[in-house]
Each structure stands twice: as structure tokens, then as C-alpha cells.
Amino acid sequence: MTENFDDELARMDELEEQADSAIFEALLLDDPIRGLTLRHHPTVQSGSTLQSVIDILRNEKVGCVMVEKDNQIIGVMTERDFLLRAI
């Protein structure tokens, strides 16, 4: 029984450290965007199929893809777009 208690205490300590780290890394709304670590999002051509976009979202573990046409970003397709239009 004390092992379970010790495990729970250790887990609580881990969660507290993670929360402290998140607070330390928090940004203010007026901080410049250049201070953010931006991640790369995959791009698809405007003629891509919906299935190919879904496959990319799953495989890349991202929530959106950039849609491009003639080497210009023309939009963003998100998971929400699929949820709102699901048949």
C-alpha cells in the first residue's frame, strides 16, 4: 500500500515540475512573435484529395496543413474543418 502512495507522490511531483516549467515558459500577449518557437507544418497543393490531407495530419501528428497554389500559401486546412464538414 505504501508503494502505491509513494508512486502517487512521485507522480504529483512530476506534474508540479511540469506546471512550473510551463509557467516559466509562458508568454505575454504583447511579446513579439519572433520569440516563439515555430514549428514546420506540411503543405499540400490545392488540388490534393481530402484523404491525402487526412493521411498527412495522422502521419505527421499535426492539426493543420498549409494549402498552396503556384508556390503561394492560399489557406490553412485544420482538423476542425473536417469535423465541421464531416458527412
C-alpha atoms as a PDB file:
ATOM      1  CA  MET A   1       0.000   0.000   0.000  1.00  0.00           C
ATOM      2  CA  THR A   2       2.799   2.441   0.786  1.00  0.00           C
ATOM      3  CA  GLU A   3       4.305   1.685  -2.634  1.00  0.00           C
ATOM      4  CA  ASN A   4       1.156   3.000  -4.312  1.00  0.00           C
ATOM      5  CA  PHE A   5       1.249   6.079  -2.109  1.00  0.00           C
ATOM      6  CA  ASP A   6       4.917   6.670  -2.957  1.00  0.00           C
ATOM      7  CA  ASP A   7       4.160   6.265  -6.664  1.00  0.00           C
ATOM      8  CA  GLU A   8       1.349   8.802  -6.416  1.00  0.00           C
ATOM      9  CA  LEU A   9       3.581  11.288  -4.592  1.00  0.00           C
ATOM     10  CA  ALA A  10       6.299  10.869  -7.201  1.00  0.00           C
ATOM     11  CA  ARG A  11       3.768  11.426  -9.986  1.00  0.00           C
ATOM     12  CA  MET A  12       2.426  14.540  -8.254  1.00  0.00           C
ATOM     13  CA  ASP A  13       5.975  15.900  -8.003  1.00  0.00           C
ATOM     14  CA  GLU A  14       6.499  15.297 -11.741  1.00  0.00           C
ATOM     15  CA  LEU A  15       3.268  17.089 -12.607  1.00  0.00           C
ATOM     16  CA  GLU A  16       4.180  20.031 -10.388  1.00  0.00           C
ATOM     17  CA  GLU A  17       7.582  20.356 -12.081  1.00  0.00           C
ATOM     18  CA  GLN A  18       5.897  20.308 -15.499  1.00  0.00           C
ATOM     19  CA  ALA A  19       3.454  23.014 -14.409  1.00  0.00           C
ATOM     20  CA  ASP A  20       6.291  25.167 -13.054  1.00  0.00           C
ATOM     21  CA  SER A  21       8.134  24.766 -16.354  1.00  0.00           C
ATOM     22  CA  ALA A  22       5.035  25.768 -18.345  1.00  0.00           C
ATOM     23  CA  ILE A  23       4.563  28.878 -16.212  1.00  0.00           C
ATOM     24  CA  PHE A  24       8.211  29.824 -16.701  1.00  0.00           C
ATOM     25  CA  GLU A  25       7.838  29.476 -20.480  1.00  0.00           C
ATOM     26  CA  ALA A  26       4.563  31.410 -20.639  1.00  0.00           C
ATOM     27  CA  LEU A  27       4.483  34.429 -22.898  1.00  0.00           C
ATOM     28  CA  LEU A  28       2.731  37.742 -22.587  1.00  0.00           C
ATOM     29  CA  LEU A  29       0.213  38.790 -25.218  1.00  0.00           C
ATOM     30  CA  ASP A  30       2.364  41.736 -26.219  1.00  0.00           C
ATOM     31  CA  ASP A  31       5.536  39.634 -26.666  1.00  0.00           C
ATOM     32  CA  PRO A  32       6.802  39.663 -30.269  1.00  0.00           C
ATOM     33  CA  ILE A  33       6.049  36.558 -32.315  1.00  0.00           C
ATOM     34  CA  ARG A  34       9.750  36.185 -33.168  1.00  0.00           C
ATOM     35  CA  GLY A  35      10.227  34.934 -29.593  1.00  0.00           C
ATOM     36  CA  LEU A  36       8.123  31.862 -30.288  1.00  0.00           C
ATOM     37  CA  THR A  37       9.484  28.552 -31.428  1.00  0.00           C
ATOM     38  CA  LEU A  38       7.500  27.993 -34.599  1.00  0.00           C
ATOM     39  CA  ARG A  39       7.200  24.502 -35.973  1.00  0.00           C
ATOM     40  CA  HIS A  40       7.070  23.486 -39.584  1.00  0.00           C
ATOM     41  CA  HIS A  41       3.684  22.428 -40.924  1.00  0.00           C
ATOM     42  CA  PRO A  42       3.330  20.309 -44.021  1.00  0.00           C
ATOM     43  CA  THR A  43       1.997  21.833 -47.212  1.00  0.00           C
ATOM     44  CA  VAL A  44      -0.356  20.348 -49.785  1.00  0.00           C
ATOM     45  CA  GLN A  45      -1.310  21.505 -53.239  1.00  0.00           C
ATOM     46  CA  SER A  46      -4.776  22.980 -53.681  1.00  0.00           C
ATOM     47  CA  GLY A  47      -5.743  20.007 -55.868  1.00  0.00           C
ATOM     48  CA  SER A  48      -4.909  17.416 -53.184  1.00  0.00           C
ATOM     49  CA  THR A  49      -7.600  14.981 -52.107  1.00  0.00           C
ATOM     50  CA  LEU A  50      -9.175  15.181 -48.673  1.00  0.00           C
ATOM     51  CA  GLN A  51      -7.946  11.646 -47.970  1.00  0.00           C
ATOM     52  CA  SER A  52      -4.348  12.675 -48.648  1.00  0.00           C
ATOM     53  CA  VAL A  53      -4.719  15.614 -46.244  1.00  0.00           C
ATOM     54  CA  ILE A  54      -6.157  13.321 -43.553  1.00  0.00           C
ATOM     55  CA  ASP A  55      -3.243  10.923 -44.073  1.00  0.00           C
ATOM     56  CA  ILE A  56      -0.755  13.764 -43.625  1.00  0.00           C
ATOM     57  CA  LEU A  57      -2.494  15.000 -40.453  1.00  0.00           C
ATOM     58  CA  ARG A  58      -2.318  11.497 -38.982  1.00  0.00           C
ATOM     59  CA  ASN A  59       1.191  10.603 -40.107  1.00  0.00           C
ATOM     60  CA  GLU A  60       2.765  13.939 -39.209  1.00  0.00           C
ATOM     61  CA  LYS A  61       0.755  14.238 -35.965  1.00  0.00           C
ATOM     62  CA  VAL A  62      -0.239  17.827 -36.742  1.00  0.00           C
ATOM     63  CA  GLY A  63      -3.553  19.636 -36.585  1.00  0.00           C
ATOM     64  CA  CYS A  64      -3.273  21.586 -39.814  1.00  0.00           C
ATOM     65  CA  VAL A  65      -1.652  21.757 -43.224  1.00  0.00           C
ATOM     66  CA  MET A  66      -0.828  24.770 -45.345  1.00  0.00           C
ATOM     67  CA  VAL A  67      -2.566  24.783 -48.731  1.00  0.00           C
ATOM     68  CA  GLU A  68      -0.535  26.202 -51.576  1.00  0.00           C
ATOM     69  CA  LYS A  69      -1.043  27.047 -55.207  1.00  0.00           C
ATOM     70  CA  ASP A  70       1.712  28.304 -57.511  1.00  0.00           C
ATOM     71  CA  ASN A  71       4.178  28.347 -54.574  1.00  0.00           C
ATOM     72  CA  GLN A  72       1.932  30.698 -52.559  1.00  0.00           C
ATOM     73  CA  ILE A  73       0.124  29.793 -49.338  1.00  0.00           C
ATOM     74  CA  ILE A  74      -3.569  30.292 -50.085  1.00  0.00           C
ATOM     75  CA  GLY A  75      -5.055  28.787 -46.961  1.00  0.00           C
ATOM     76  CA  VAL A  76      -4.877  26.506 -43.969  1.00  0.00           C
ATOM     77  CA  MET A  77      -6.830  23.266 -43.609  1.00  0.00           C
ATOM     78  CA  THR A  78      -7.389  22.202 -39.999  1.00  0.00           C
ATOM     79  CA  GLU A  79      -8.842  19.231 -38.160  1.00  0.00           C
ATOM     80  CA  ARG A  80     -11.762  21.489 -37.291  1.00  0.00           C
ATOM     81  CA  ASP A  81     -12.512  21.978 -40.979  1.00  0.00           C
ATOM     82  CA  PHE A  82     -13.019  18.224 -41.297  1.00  0.00           C
ATOM     83  CA  LEU A  83     -15.128  17.986 -38.147  1.00  0.00           C
ATOM     84  CA  LEU A  84     -17.476  20.753 -39.250  1.00  0.00           C
ATOM     85  CA  ARG A  85     -17.924  19.277 -42.717  1.00  0.00           C
ATOM     86  CA  ALA A  86     -17.955  15.553 -41.894  1.00  0.00           C
ATOM     87  CA  ILE A  87     -20.642  13.553 -43.634  1.00  0.00           C
END
